[in-house]
Amino acid sequence: MSDEESFTRLLYYGTVQLNRSEEEVWLMPIGYLLDLWECHKQFLGLAKPKRMFTIDDVIPYGI
């Protein structure tokens, strides 16, 4: 896939799938856009999270 195809795809994902304006997608950091896209895929059931956490995993018991 060429760079032009990659940016076209990311622009499509940002504008159509994530409901962002074209300007907002262009000004968005690439890592943030990719994180949003991954969350969107997980929400639709197209991808599974790499690790599952519960609140008990994040906050120790007794705090």
N, C-alpha and C. Protein backbone atom coordinates (compact mmCIF):
# COMPACT_ATOMS: atom_id res chain seq x y z
N MET A 1 0.84 -1.16 0.00
CA MET A 1 0.00 0.00 0.00
C MET A 1 0.90 1.24 0.00
N SER A 2 0.63 2.16 -0.89
CA SER A 2 1.43 3.39 -0.97
C SER A 2 1.03 4.37 0.13
N ASP A 3 1.85 5.38 0.33
CA ASP A 3 1.55 6.41 1.33
C ASP A 3 0.24 7.13 0.99
N GLU A 4 0.03 7.39 -0.28
CA GLU A 4 -1.19 8.08 -0.71
C GLU A 4 -2.43 7.26 -0.38
N GLU A 5 -2.37 5.95 -0.61
CA GLU A 5 -3.50 5.08 -0.27
C GLU A 5 -3.74 5.03 1.23
N SER A 6 -2.66 4.99 2.01
CA SER A 6 -2.78 4.96 3.47
C SER A 6 -3.46 6.22 3.99
N PHE A 7 -3.04 7.38 3.52
CA PHE A 7 -3.64 8.63 3.98
C PHE A 7 -5.08 8.76 3.52
N THR A 8 -5.38 8.27 2.32
CA THR A 8 -6.76 8.29 1.85
C THR A 8 -7.64 7.43 2.73
N ARG A 9 -7.15 6.26 3.09
CA ARG A 9 -7.91 5.38 3.99
C ARG A 9 -8.12 6.01 5.35
N LEU A 10 -7.04 6.57 5.92
CA LEU A 10 -7.16 7.21 7.24
C LEU A 10 -8.12 8.39 7.20
N LEU A 11 -8.09 9.15 6.11
CA LEU A 11 -9.02 10.26 5.97
C LEU A 11 -10.45 9.74 5.90
N TYR A 12 -10.67 8.66 5.16
CA TYR A 12 -12.00 8.05 5.09
C TYR A 12 -12.45 7.57 6.47
N TYR A 13 -11.58 6.84 7.16
CA TYR A 13 -11.94 6.34 8.49
C TYR A 13 -12.31 7.49 9.43
N GLY A 14 -11.51 8.55 9.40
CA GLY A 14 -11.74 9.68 10.29
C GLY A 14 -13.02 10.44 9.97
N THR A 15 -13.29 10.66 8.70
CA THR A 15 -14.44 11.48 8.34
C THR A 15 -15.74 10.68 8.34
N VAL A 16 -15.74 9.51 7.74
CA VAL A 16 -16.98 8.76 7.59
C VAL A 16 -17.28 7.89 8.81
N GLN A 17 -16.31 7.12 9.24
CA GLN A 17 -16.54 6.18 10.32
C GLN A 17 -16.53 6.83 11.70
N LEU A 18 -15.69 7.84 11.90
CA LEU A 18 -15.55 8.45 13.22
C LEU A 18 -16.27 9.80 13.33
N ASN A 19 -16.95 10.22 12.26
CA ASN A 19 -17.73 11.48 12.25
C ASN A 19 -16.92 12.70 12.62
N ARG A 20 -15.73 12.81 12.11
CA ARG A 20 -14.89 13.99 12.32
C ARG A 20 -14.86 14.80 11.02
N SER A 21 -14.60 16.10 11.13
CA SER A 21 -14.45 16.91 9.92
C SER A 21 -13.11 16.59 9.26
N GLU A 22 -13.00 16.90 7.98
CA GLU A 22 -11.75 16.61 7.27
C GLU A 22 -10.60 17.41 7.88
N GLU A 23 -10.85 18.65 8.24
CA GLU A 23 -9.81 19.48 8.85
C GLU A 23 -9.37 18.89 10.18
N GLU A 24 -10.33 18.42 10.98
CA GLU A 24 -10.01 17.83 12.28
C GLU A 24 -9.14 16.58 12.11
N VAL A 25 -9.44 15.77 11.09
CA VAL A 25 -8.66 14.56 10.85
C VAL A 25 -7.24 14.92 10.44
N TRP A 26 -7.08 15.92 9.57
CA TRP A 26 -5.74 16.30 9.13
C TRP A 26 -4.90 16.87 10.26
N LEU A 27 -5.55 17.57 11.22
CA LEU A 27 -4.80 18.18 12.31
C LEU A 27 -4.60 17.25 13.50
N MET A 28 -5.26 16.10 13.47
CA MET A 28 -5.20 15.14 14.58
C MET A 28 -3.86 14.38 14.56
N PRO A 29 -3.22 14.20 15.72
CA PRO A 29 -2.01 13.37 15.75
C PRO A 29 -2.32 11.95 15.24
N ILE A 30 -1.41 11.37 14.49
CA ILE A 30 -1.65 10.08 13.85
C ILE A 30 -1.92 8.98 14.87
N GLY A 31 -1.23 9.01 16.00
CA GLY A 31 -1.44 8.00 17.04
C GLY A 31 -2.84 8.07 17.63
N TYR A 32 -3.35 9.29 17.81
CA TYR A 32 -4.70 9.47 18.34
C TYR A 32 -5.73 8.94 17.35
N LEU A 33 -5.53 9.24 16.07
CA LEU A 33 -6.44 8.74 15.04
C LEU A 33 -6.45 7.21 15.00
N LEU A 34 -5.28 6.60 15.08
CA LEU A 34 -5.20 5.13 15.06
C LEU A 34 -5.83 4.53 16.32
N ASP A 35 -5.67 5.19 17.47
CA ASP A 35 -6.32 4.71 18.70
C ASP A 35 -7.83 4.78 18.58
N LEU A 36 -8.34 5.89 18.04
CA LEU A 36 -9.79 6.02 17.84
C LEU A 36 -10.32 4.95 16.90
N TRP A 37 -9.56 4.69 15.84
CA TRP A 37 -9.98 3.68 14.87
C TRP A 37 -9.99 2.29 15.52
N GLU A 38 -9.01 1.99 16.34
CA GLU A 38 -8.97 0.69 17.03
C GLU A 38 -10.15 0.56 17.99
N CYS A 39 -10.47 1.61 18.73
CA CYS A 39 -11.63 1.58 19.63
C CYS A 39 -12.92 1.38 18.84
N HIS A 40 -13.03 2.03 17.70
CA HIS A 40 -14.22 1.89 16.85
C HIS A 40 -14.36 0.44 16.35
N LYS A 41 -13.26 -0.16 15.94
CA LYS A 41 -13.30 -1.56 15.49
C LYS A 41 -13.71 -2.49 16.61
N GLN A 42 -13.20 -2.25 17.83
CA GLN A 42 -13.59 -3.08 18.97
C GLN A 42 -15.06 -2.91 19.30
N PHE A 43 -15.56 -1.68 19.20
CA PHE A 43 -16.97 -1.40 19.48
C PHE A 43 -17.87 -2.15 18.49
N LEU A 44 -17.45 -2.22 17.23
CA LEU A 44 -18.24 -2.91 16.21
C LEU A 44 -18.04 -4.42 16.22
N GLY A 45 -17.09 -4.90 17.02
CA GLY A 45 -16.83 -6.33 17.08
C GLY A 45 -15.91 -6.82 15.98
N LEU A 46 -15.23 -5.90 15.30
CA LEU A 46 -14.31 -6.28 14.23
C LEU A 46 -12.92 -6.63 14.75
N ALA A 47 -12.65 -6.23 16.00
CA ALA A 47 -11.35 -6.51 16.60
C ALA A 47 -11.56 -6.83 18.08
N LYS A 48 -10.64 -7.57 18.63
CA LYS A 48 -10.67 -7.90 20.05
C LYS A 48 -9.57 -7.12 20.75
N PRO A 49 -9.81 -6.69 21.99
CA PRO A 49 -8.75 -5.99 22.73
C PRO A 49 -7.56 -6.92 22.97
N LYS A 50 -6.37 -6.34 22.98
CA LYS A 50 -5.17 -7.15 23.19
C LYS A 50 -5.13 -7.72 24.60
N ARG A 51 -5.61 -6.91 25.58
CA ARG A 51 -5.71 -7.37 26.97
C ARG A 51 -7.01 -6.83 27.55
N MET A 52 -7.66 -7.64 28.35
CA MET A 52 -8.88 -7.22 29.02
C MET A 52 -8.54 -6.84 30.46
N PHE A 53 -8.96 -5.67 30.90
CA PHE A 53 -8.77 -5.21 32.26
C PHE A 53 -10.13 -4.99 32.91
N THR A 54 -10.19 -5.27 34.18
CA THR A 54 -11.35 -4.89 34.97
C THR A 54 -10.90 -3.80 35.93
N ILE A 55 -11.83 -3.16 36.58
CA ILE A 55 -11.48 -2.10 37.52
C ILE A 55 -10.63 -2.65 38.67
N ASP A 56 -10.84 -3.92 39.02
CA ASP A 56 -10.06 -4.54 40.08
C ASP A 56 -8.59 -4.72 39.68
N ASP A 57 -8.32 -4.87 38.39
CA ASP A 57 -6.95 -4.99 37.91
C ASP A 57 -6.22 -3.64 37.99
N VAL A 58 -6.97 -2.57 37.86
CA VAL A 58 -6.36 -1.23 37.79
C VAL A 58 -6.22 -0.63 39.20
N ILE A 59 -7.26 -0.76 40.02
CA ILE A 59 -7.24 -0.19 41.36
C ILE A 59 -7.18 -1.35 42.36
N PRO A 60 -6.13 -1.40 43.18
CA PRO A 60 -6.01 -2.50 44.16
C PRO A 60 -7.14 -2.49 45.17
N TYR A 61 -7.48 -3.67 45.67
CA TYR A 61 -8.54 -3.81 46.65
C TYR A 61 -8.15 -3.09 47.95
N GLY A 62 -9.09 -2.38 48.54
CA GLY A 62 -8.86 -1.72 49.82
C GLY A 62 -8.52 -0.25 49.72
N ILE A 63 -8.42 0.26 48.53
CA ILE A 63 -8.12 1.70 48.41
C ILE A 63 -9.41 2.48 48.40
